PDB file of N, CA and C in Angstrom:
ATOM      1  N   MET A   1      -5.052 -19.645  22.702  1.00  0.00           N
ATOM      2  CA  MET A   1      -5.176 -18.331  23.293  1.00  0.00           C
ATOM      3  C   MET A   1      -4.116 -17.381  22.741  1.00  0.00           C
ATOM      4  N   ARG A   2      -2.924 -17.940  22.630  1.00  0.00           N
ATOM      5  CA  ARG A   2      -1.824 -17.129  22.152  1.00  0.00           C
ATOM      6  C   ARG A   2      -2.071 -16.682  20.701  1.00  0.00           C
ATOM      7  N   SER A   3      -2.620 -17.567  19.876  1.00  0.00           N
ATOM      8  CA  SER A   3      -2.865 -17.220  18.480  1.00  0.00           C
ATOM      9  C   SER A   3      -3.952 -16.158  18.357  1.00  0.00           C
ATOM     10  N   LEU A   4      -4.967 -16.209  19.227  1.00  0.00           N
ATOM     11  CA  LEU A   4      -5.992 -15.160  19.224  1.00  0.00           C
ATOM     12  C   LEU A   4      -5.398 -13.819  19.618  1.00  0.00           C
ATOM     13  N   ARG A   5      -4.590 -13.864  20.634  1.00  0.00           N
ATOM     14  CA  ARG A   5      -3.955 -12.624  21.098  1.00  0.00           C
ATOM     15  C   ARG A   5      -3.036 -12.057  20.005  1.00  0.00           C
ATOM     16  N   GLY A   6      -2.321 -12.955  19.327  1.00  0.00           N
ATOM     17  CA  GLY A   6      -1.450 -12.540  18.226  1.00  0.00           C
ATOM     18  C   GLY A   6      -2.245 -11.908  17.098  1.00  0.00           C
ATOM     19  N   LYS A   7      -3.423 -12.479  16.797  1.00  0.00           N
ATOM     20  CA  LYS A   7      -4.275 -11.913  15.751  1.00  0.00           C
ATOM     21  C   LYS A   7      -4.769 -10.528  16.141  1.00  0.00           C
ATOM     22  N   PHE A   8      -5.151 -10.367  17.415  1.00  0.00           N
ATOM     23  CA  PHE A   8      -5.610  -9.048  17.879  1.00  0.00           C
ATOM     24  C   PHE A   8      -4.474  -8.033  17.842  1.00  0.00           C
ATOM     25  N   ASP A   9      -3.285  -8.483  18.252  1.00  0.00           N
ATOM     26  CA  ASP A   9      -2.126  -7.585  18.214  1.00  0.00           C
ATOM     27  C   ASP A   9      -1.811  -7.189  16.777  1.00  0.00           C
ATOM     28  N   SER A  10      -1.874  -8.182  15.890  1.00  0.00           N
ATOM     29  CA  SER A  10      -1.610  -7.922  14.479  1.00  0.00           C
ATOM     30  C   SER A  10      -2.653  -6.961  13.902  1.00  0.00           C
ATOM     31  N   LYS A  11      -3.915  -7.198  14.259  1.00  0.00           N
ATOM     32  CA  LYS A  11      -5.006  -6.316  13.790  1.00  0.00           C
ATOM     33  C   LYS A  11      -4.815  -4.907  14.343  1.00  0.00           C
ATOM     34  N   ALA A  12      -4.435  -4.805  15.603  1.00  0.00           N
ATOM     35  CA  ALA A  12      -4.212  -3.493  16.221  1.00  0.00           C
ATOM     36  C   ALA A  12      -3.053  -2.777  15.540  1.00  0.00           C
ATOM     37  N   LYS A  13      -1.998  -3.521  15.210  1.00  0.00           N
ATOM     38  CA  LYS A  13      -0.853  -2.927  14.516  1.00  0.00           C
ATOM     39  C   LYS A  13      -1.255  -2.444  13.126  1.00  0.00           C
ATOM     40  N   GLN A  14      -2.051  -3.268  12.429  1.00  0.00           N
ATOM     41  CA  GLN A  14      -2.526  -2.879  11.101  1.00  0.00           C
ATOM     42  C   GLN A  14      -3.382  -1.621  11.184  1.00  0.00           C
ATOM     43  N   ASP A  15      -4.283  -1.596  12.154  1.00  0.00           N
ATOM     44  CA  ASP A  15      -5.132  -0.411  12.336  1.00  0.00           C
ATOM     45  C   ASP A  15      -4.288   0.818  12.647  1.00  0.00           C
ATOM     46  N   ASN A  16      -3.297   0.633  13.505  1.00  0.00           N
ATOM     47  CA  ASN A  16      -2.416   1.736  13.872  1.00  0.00           C
ATOM     48  C   ASN A  16      -1.651   2.239  12.644  1.00  0.00           C
ATOM     49  N   LEU A  17      -1.129   1.302  11.855  1.00  0.00           N
ATOM     50  CA  LEU A  17      -0.404   1.679  10.637  1.00  0.00           C
ATOM     51  C   LEU A  17      -1.324   2.375   9.635  1.00  0.00           C
ATOM     52  N   ARG A  18      -2.555   1.860   9.517  1.00  0.00           N
ATOM     53  CA  ARG A  18      -3.534   2.465   8.607  1.00  0.00           C
ATOM     54  C   ARG A  18      -3.853   3.899   9.052  1.00  0.00           C
ATOM     55  N   ASN A  19      -4.032   4.085  10.358  1.00  0.00           N
ATOM     56  CA  ASN A  19      -4.300   5.426  10.894  1.00  0.00           C
ATOM     57  C   ASN A  19      -3.118   6.368  10.651  1.00  0.00           C
ATOM     58  N   MET A  20      -1.905   5.842  10.844  1.00  0.00           N
ATOM     59  CA  MET A  20      -0.720   6.661  10.599  1.00  0.00           C
ATOM     60  C   MET A  20      -0.622   7.054   9.124  1.00  0.00           C
ATOM     61  N   LEU A  21      -0.944   6.108   8.244  1.00  0.00           N
ATOM     62  CA  LEU A  21      -0.927   6.367   6.809  1.00  0.00           C
ATOM     63  C   LEU A  21      -1.978   7.410   6.438  1.00  0.00           C
ATOM     64  N   ASP A  22      -3.182   7.261   6.977  1.00  0.00           N
ATOM     65  CA  ASP A  22      -4.246   8.239   6.725  1.00  0.00           C
ATOM     66  C   ASP A  22      -3.838   9.624   7.214  1.00  0.00           C
ATOM     67  N   SER A  23      -3.231   9.669   8.378  1.00  0.00           N
ATOM     68  CA  SER A  23      -2.779  10.940   8.934  1.00  0.00           C
ATOM     69  C   SER A  23      -1.715  11.571   8.040  1.00  0.00           C
ATOM     70  N   SER A  24      -0.795  10.753   7.568  1.00  0.00           N
ATOM     71  CA  SER A  24       0.249  11.247   6.661  1.00  0.00           C
ATOM     72  C   SER A  24      -0.358  11.754   5.360  1.00  0.00           C
ATOM     73  N   ASP A  25      -1.335  11.025   4.840  1.00  0.00           N
ATOM     74  CA  ASP A  25      -2.013  11.450   3.613  1.00  0.00           C
ATOM     75  C   ASP A  25      -2.694  12.802   3.800  1.00  0.00           C
ATOM     76  N   ARG A  26      -3.384  12.969   4.930  1.00  0.00           N
ATOM     77  CA  ARG A  26      -4.054  14.246   5.207  1.00  0.00           C
ATOM     78  C   ARG A  26      -3.035  15.382   5.273  1.00  0.00           C
ATOM     79  N   LYS A  27      -1.912  15.122   5.959  1.00  0.00           N
ATOM     80  CA  LYS A  27      -0.873  16.148   6.077  1.00  0.00           C
ATOM     81  C   LYS A  27      -0.301  16.513   4.713  1.00  0.00           C
ATOM     82  N   CYS A  28      -0.131  15.513   3.857  1.00  0.00           N
ATOM     83  CA  CYS A  28       0.367  15.771   2.501  1.00  0.00           C
ATOM     84  C   CYS A  28      -0.617  16.618   1.701  1.00  0.00           C
ATOM     85  N   VAL A  29      -1.894  16.278   1.805  1.00  0.00           N
ATOM     86  CA  VAL A  29      -2.928  17.038   1.097  1.00  0.00           C
ATOM     87  C   VAL A  29      -2.960  18.478   1.603  1.00  0.00           C
ATOM     88  N   GLU A  30      -2.872  18.660   2.919  1.00  0.00           N
ATOM     89  CA  GLU A  30      -2.863  20.006   3.496  1.00  0.00           C
ATOM     90  C   GLU A  30      -1.627  20.783   3.059  1.00  0.00           C
ATOM     91  N   ALA A  31      -0.476  20.118   3.057  1.00  0.00           N
ATOM     92  CA  ALA A  31       0.763  20.777   2.636  1.00  0.00           C
ATOM     93  C   ALA A  31       0.694  21.154   1.163  1.00  0.00           C
ATOM     94  N   GLU A  32       0.123  20.276   0.351  1.00  0.00           N
ATOM     95  CA  GLU A  32      -0.020  20.552  -1.077  1.00  0.00           C
ATOM     96  C   GLU A  32      -0.940  21.750  -1.301  1.00  0.00           C
ATOM     97  N   ALA A  33      -2.035  21.813  -0.562  1.00  0.00           N
ATOM     98  CA  ALA A  33      -2.963  22.942  -0.682  1.00  0.00           C
ATOM     99  C   ALA A  33      -2.285  24.238  -0.247  1.00  0.00           C
ATOM    100  N   ALA A  34      -1.515  24.180   0.821  1.00  0.00           N
ATOM    101  CA  ALA A  34      -0.809  25.375   1.300  1.00  0.00           C
ATOM    102  C   ALA A  34       0.223  25.835   0.274  1.00  0.00           C
ATOM    103  N   MET A  35       0.933  24.883  -0.325  1.00  0.00           N
ATOM    104  CA  MET A  35       1.927  25.240  -1.341  1.00  0.00           C
ATOM    105  C   MET A  35       1.261  25.815  -2.585  1.00  0.00           C
ATOM    106  N   LYS A  36       0.119  25.270  -2.954  1.00  0.00           N
ATOM    107  CA  LYS A  36      -0.627  25.782  -4.112  1.00  0.00           C
ATOM    108  C   LYS A  36      -1.062  27.226  -3.855  1.00  0.00           C
ATOM    109  N   GLN A  37      -1.552  27.496  -2.650  1.00  0.00           N
ATOM    110  CA  GLN A  37      -1.957  28.852  -2.292  1.00  0.00           C
ATOM    111  C   GLN A  37      -0.749  29.792  -2.328  1.00  0.00           C
ATOM    112  N   LYS A  38       0.387  29.342  -1.794  1.00  0.00           N
ATOM    113  CA  LYS A  38       1.602  30.150  -1.798  1.00  0.00           C
ATOM    114  C   LYS A  38       2.043  30.436  -3.227  1.00  0.00           C
ATOM    115  N   GLU A  39       1.940  29.420  -4.087  1.00  0.00           N
ATOM    116  CA  GLU A  39       2.314  29.583  -5.490  1.00  0.00           C
ATOM    117  C   GLU A  39       1.441  30.645  -6.158  1.00  0.00           C
ATOM    118  N   GLU A  40       0.132  30.603  -5.884  1.00  0.00           N
ATOM    119  CA  GLU A  40      -0.779  31.596  -6.451  1.00  0.00           C
ATOM    120  C   GLU A  40      -0.438  32.998  -5.947  1.00  0.00           C
ATOM    121  N   GLU A  41      -0.107  33.107  -4.657  1.00  0.00           N
ATOM    122  CA  GLU A  41       0.284  34.400  -4.096  1.00  0.00           C
ATOM    123  C   GLU A  41       1.567  34.910  -4.751  1.00  0.00           C
ATOM    124  N   LEU A  42       2.521  34.012  -4.941  1.00  0.00           N
ATOM    125  CA  LEU A  42       3.778  34.402  -5.585  1.00  0.00           C
ATOM    126  C   LEU A  42       3.546  34.821  -7.034  1.00  0.00           C
ATOM    127  N   ASN A  43       2.680  34.104  -7.743  1.00  0.00           N
ATOM    128  CA  ASN A  43       2.366  34.475  -9.123  1.00  0.00           C
ATOM    129  C   ASN A  43       1.700  35.842  -9.187  1.00  0.00           C
ATOM    130  N   ALA A  44       0.826  36.133  -8.236  1.00  0.00           N
ATOM    131  CA  ALA A  44       0.185  37.453  -8.189  1.00  0.00           C
ATOM    132  C   ALA A  44       1.227  38.535  -7.923  1.00  0.00           C
ATOM    133  N   THR A  45       2.156  38.255  -7.020  1.00  0.00           N
ATOM    134  CA  THR A  45       3.225  39.211  -6.724  1.00  0.00           C
ATOM    135  C   THR A  45       4.099  39.428  -7.948  1.00  0.00           C
ATOM    136  N   ILE A  46       4.411  38.354  -8.665  1.00  0.00           N
ATOM    137  CA  ILE A  46       5.217  38.463  -9.883  1.00  0.00           C
ATOM    138  C   ILE A  46       4.507  39.334 -10.908  1.00  0.00           C
ATOM    139  N   CYS A  47       3.201  39.139 -11.073  1.00  0.00           N
ATOM    140  CA  CYS A  47       2.431  39.956 -12.024  1.00  0.00           C
ATOM    141  C   CYS A  47       2.483  41.432 -11.652  1.00  0.00           C
ATOM    142  N   LYS A  48       2.338  41.723 -10.359  1.00  0.00           N
ATOM    143  CA  LYS A  48       2.407  43.115  -9.907  1.00  0.00           C
ATOM    144  C   LYS A  48       3.786  43.705 -10.169  1.00  0.00           C
ATOM    145  N   LEU A  49       4.823  42.933  -9.881  1.00  0.00           N
ATOM    146  CA  LEU A  49       6.189  43.415 -10.102  1.00  0.00           C
ATOM    147  C   LEU A  49       6.463  43.639 -11.589  1.00  0.00           C
ATOM    148  N   GLU A  50       5.960  42.747 -12.436  1.00  0.00           N
ATOM    149  CA  GLU A  50       6.135  42.920 -13.880  1.00  0.00           C
ATOM    150  C   GLU A  50       5.411  44.169 -14.364  1.00  0.00           C
ATOM    151  N   ALA A  51       4.236  44.443 -13.817  1.00  0.00           N
ATOM    152  CA  ALA A  51       3.503  45.661 -14.173  1.00  0.00           C
ATOM    153  C   ALA A  51       4.277  46.892 -13.713  1.00  0.00           C
ATOM    154  N   ASN A  52       4.858  46.826 -12.514  1.00  0.00           N
ATOM    155  CA  ASN A  52       5.664  47.942 -12.014  1.00  0.00           C
ATOM    156  C   ASN A  52       6.881  48.170 -12.896  1.00  0.00           C
ATOM    157  N   ILE A  53       7.524  47.087 -13.332  1.00  0.00           N
ATOM    158  CA  ILE A  53       8.687  47.207 -14.209  1.00  0.00           C
ATOM    159  C   ILE A  53       8.289  47.891 -15.509  1.00  0.00           C
ATOM    160  N   SER A  54       7.175  47.473 -16.084  1.00  0.00           N
ATOM    161  CA  SER A  54       6.707  48.081 -17.335  1.00  0.00           C
ATOM    162  C   SER A  54       6.438  49.566 -17.147  1.00  0.00           C
ATOM    163  N   SER A  55       5.800  49.903 -16.053  1.00  0.00           N
ATOM    164  CA  SER A  55       5.502  51.303 -15.763  1.00  0.00           C
ATOM    165  C   SER A  55       6.784  52.106 -15.576  1.00  0.00           C
ATOM    166  N   LEU A  56       7.737  51.540 -14.848  1.00  0.00           N
ATOM    167  CA  LEU A  56       9.010  52.231 -14.626  1.00  0.00           C
ATOM    168  C   LEU A  56       9.786  52.401 -15.927  1.00  0.00           C
ATOM    169  N   LYS A  57       9.751  51.391 -16.790  1.00  0.00           N
ATOM    170  CA  LYS A  57      10.422  51.503 -18.089  1.00  0.00           C
ATOM    171  C   LYS A  57       9.794  52.614 -18.927  1.00  0.00           C
ATOM    172  N   ALA A  58       8.471  52.703 -18.902  1.00  0.00           N
ATOM    173  CA  ALA A  58       7.783  53.754 -19.650  1.00  0.00           C
ATOM    174  C   ALA A  58       8.140  55.127 -19.087  1.00  0.00           C
ATOM    175  N   SER A  59       8.181  55.243 -17.767  1.00  0.00           N
ATOM    176  CA  SER A  59       8.547  56.517 -17.136  1.00  0.00           C
ATOM    177  C   SER A  59       9.981  56.895 -17.474  1.00  0.00           C
ATOM    178  N   LEU A  60      10.873  55.927 -17.450  1.00  0.00           N
ATOM    179  CA  LEU A  60      12.272  56.182 -17.774  1.00  0.00           C
ATOM    180  C   LEU A  60      12.419  56.618 -19.225  1.00  0.00           C
ATOM    181  N   ALA A  61      11.726  55.950 -20.125  1.00  0.00           N
ATOM    182  CA  ALA A  61      11.781  56.318 -21.540  1.00  0.00           C
ATOM    183  C   ALA A  61      11.259  57.735 -21.738  1.00  0.00           C
ATOM    184  N   ASP A  62      10.178  58.088 -21.049  1.00  0.00           N
ATOM    185  CA  ASP A  62       9.619  59.437 -21.144  1.00  0.00           C
ATOM    186  C   ASP A  62      10.605  60.468 -20.603  1.00  0.00           C
ATOM    187  N   GLU A  63      11.215  60.155 -19.475  1.00  0.00           N
ATOM    188  CA  GLU A  63      12.186  61.068 -18.870  1.00  0.00           C
ATOM    189  C   GLU A  63      13.404  61.252 -19.780  1.00  0.00           C
ATOM    190  N   GLU A  64      13.893  60.169 -20.366  1.00  0.00           N
ATOM    191  CA  GLU A  64      15.030  60.259 -21.279  1.00  0.00           C
ATOM    192  C   GLU A  64      14.668  61.059 -22.521  1.00  0.00           C
ATOM    193  N   SER A  65      13.457  60.880 -23.002  1.00  0.00           N
ATOM    194  CA  SER A  65      12.989  61.639 -24.163  1.00  0.00           C
ATOM    195  C   SER A  65      12.937  63.131 -23.848  1.00  0.00           C
ATOM    196  N   GLN A  66      12.390  63.476 -22.684  1.00  0.00           N
ATOM    197  CA  GLN A  66      12.326  64.885 -22.283  1.00  0.00           C
ATOM    198  C   GLN A  66      13.724  65.470 -22.104  1.00  0.00           C
ATOM    199  N   LYS A  67      14.630  64.691 -21.557  1.00  0.00           N
ATOM    200  CA  LYS A  67      16.010  65.144 -21.365  1.00  0.00           C
ATOM    201  C   LYS A  67      16.667  65.402 -22.720  1.00  0.00           C
ATOM    202  N   LEU A  68      16.447  64.512 -23.677  1.00  0.00           N
ATOM    203  CA  LEU A  68      16.996  64.687 -25.015  1.00  0.00           C
ATOM    204  C   LEU A  68      16.451  65.953 -25.662  1.00  0.00           C
ATOM    205  N   VAL A  69      15.158  66.196 -25.504  1.00  0.00           N
ATOM    206  CA  VAL A  69      14.553  67.414 -26.055  1.00  0.00           C
ATOM    207  C   VAL A  69      15.210  68.645 -25.440  1.00  0.00           C
ATOM    208  N   ARG A  70      15.427  68.637 -24.121  1.00  0.00           N
ATOM    209  CA  ARG A  70      16.066  69.782 -23.456  1.00  0.00           C
ATOM    210  C   ARG A  70      17.492  69.991 -23.961  1.00  0.00           C
ATOM    211  N   VAL A  71      18.244  68.902 -24.115  1.00  0.00           N
ATOM    212  CA  VAL A  71      19.630  69.004 -24.601  1.00  0.00           C
ATOM    213  C   VAL A  71      19.654  69.548 -26.020  1.00  0.00           C
ATOM    214  N   LEU A  72      18.801  69.010 -26.874  1.00  0.00           N
ATOM    215  CA  LEU A  72      18.758  69.478 -28.263  1.00  0.00           C
ATOM    216  C   LEU A  72      18.313  70.936 -28.344  1.00  0.00           C
ATOM    217  N   PHE A  73      17.340  71.316 -27.522  1.00  0.00           N
ATOM    218  CA  PHE A  73      16.877  72.704 -27.519  1.00  0.00           C
ATOM    219  C   PHE A  73      17.990  73.635 -27.047  1.00  0.00           C
ATOM    220  N   LYS A  74      18.711  73.202 -26.019  1.00  0.00           N
ATOM    221  CA  LYS A  74      19.815  74.018 -25.503  1.00  0.00           C
ATOM    222  C   LYS A  74      20.888  74.189 -26.575  1.00  0.00           C
ATOM    223  N   ARG A  75      21.226  73.114 -27.274  1.00  0.00           N
ATOM    224  CA  ARG A  75      22.216  73.208 -28.358  1.00  0.00           C
ATOM    225  C   ARG A  75      21.725  74.136 -29.459  1.00  0.00           C
ATOM    226  N   TRP A  76      20.448  74.013 -29.773  1.00  0.00           N
ATOM    227  CA  TRP A  76      19.879  74.868 -30.810  1.00  0.00           C
ATOM    228  C   TRP A  76      19.969  76.331 -30.386  1.00  0.00           C
ATOM    229  N   CYS A  77      19.609  76.604 -29.113  1.00  0.00           N
ATOM    230  CA  CYS A  77      19.676  77.987 -28.610  1.00  0.00           C
ATOM    231  C   CYS A  77      21.103  78.512 -28.651  1.00  0.00           C
ATOM    232  N   VAL A  78      22.064  77.701 -28.254  1.00  0.00           N
ATOM    233  CA  VAL A  78      23.473  78.114 -28.292  1.00  0.00           C
ATOM    234  C   VAL A  78      23.875  78.407 -29.732  1.00  0.00           C
ATOM    235  N   GLY A  79      23.438  77.581 -30.648  1.00  0.00           N
ATOM    236  CA  GLY A  79      23.739  77.799 -32.066  1.00  0.00           C
ATOM    237  C   GLY A  79      23.124  79.084 -32.576  1.00  0.00           C
ATOM    238  N   VAL A  80      21.885  79.353 -32.208  1.00  0.00           N
ATOM    239  CA  VAL A  80      21.205  80.580 -32.641  1.00  0.00           C
ATOM    240  C   VAL A  80      21.913  81.798 -32.063  1.00  0.00           C
ATOM    241  N   ILE A  81      22.270  81.735 -30.794  1.00  0.00           N
ATOM    242  CA  ILE A  81      22.953  82.861 -30.149  1.00  0.00           C
ATOM    243  C   ILE A  81      24.306  83.096 -30.812  1.00  0.00           C
ATOM    244  N   SER A  82      25.027  82.011 -31.081  1.00  0.00           N
ATOM    245  CA  SER A  82      26.327  82.157 -31.754  1.00  0.00           C
ATOM    246  C   SER A  82      26.152  82.754 -33.131  1.00  0.00           C
ATOM    247  N   CYS A  83      25.152  82.293 -33.833  1.00  0.00           N
ATOM    248  CA  CYS A  83      24.891  82.799 -35.175  1.00  0.00           C
ATOM    249  C   CYS A  83      24.537  84.279 -35.117  1.00  0.00           C
ATOM    250  N   CYS A  84      23.690  84.662 -34.183  1.00  0.00           N
ATOM    251  CA  CYS A  84      23.294  86.073 -34.033  1.00  0.00           C
ATOM    252  C   CYS A  84      24.497  86.917 -33.635  1.00  0.00           C
ATOM    253  N   HIS A  85      25.316  86.384 -32.753  1.00  0.00           N
ATOM    254  CA  HIS A  85      26.505  87.097 -32.295  1.00  0.00           C
ATOM    255  C   HIS A  85      27.435  87.367 -33.481  1.00  0.00           C
ATOM    256  N   CYS A  86      27.643  86.326 -34.308  1.00  0.00           N
ATOM    257  CA  CYS A  86      28.492  86.495 -35.491  1.00  0.00           C
ATOM    258  C   CYS A  86      27.869  87.486 -36.460  1.00  0.00           C
ATOM    259  N   PHE A  87      26.569  87.392 -36.651  1.00  0.00           N
ATOM    260  CA  PHE A  87      25.873  88.268 -37.590  1.00  0.00           C
ATOM    261  C   PHE A  87      26.007  89.730 -37.175  1.00  0.00           C
ATOM    262  N   PHE A  88      25.807  90.010 -35.897  1.00  0.00           N
ATOM    263  CA  PHE A  88      25.851  91.397 -35.434  1.00  0.00           C
ATOM    264  C   PHE A  88      27.281  91.930 -35.370  1.00  0.00           C
ATOM    265  N   HIS A  89      28.247  91.082 -35.124  1.00  0.00           N
ATOM    266  CA  HIS A  89      29.631  91.544 -35.072  1.00  0.00           C
ATOM    267  C   HIS A  89      30.214  91.732 -36.460  1.00  0.00           C
ATOM    268  N   ASN A  90      29.707  91.001 -37.416  1.00  0.00           N
ATOM    269  CA  ASN A  90      30.224  91.111 -38.781  1.00  0.00           C
ATOM    270  C   ASN A  90      29.534  92.224 -39.550  1.00  0.00           C
ATOM    271  N   ASN A  91      28.431  92.719 -39.071  1.00  0.00           N
ATOM    272  CA  ASN A  91      27.703  93.777 -39.801  1.00  0.00           C
ATOM    273  C   ASN A  91      27.863  95.084 -39.136  1.00  0.00           C
TER     274      ASN A  91
END
C-alpha cells in the first residue's frame, strides 16, 4: 500500500513539476514576445529621431549659409560705402 501511495505521490510531484515548467516556458515566451515588440518600438523611435536629426542638421546648415550671405553682403556694402565716401571726398 505504501509503495502505491509513494508512486502516486511521485507521479503527482512529477505532474506538478511539469506544470510548473510549462508555466515558466509560457511566461518566457510571453516575455520574449513583449521584449521583441518593445525592441521594434524602440527601433522605430530611433529611426524617427535620426530623421529629425538629419532635418535639423539641414536646417542648421541652411541657416548658417544664410547668415554667411548676410555677413558677406554687409561687408561688401560697407566696402562700397567706404569706397564711395573716399571717391567723393577725394574728387
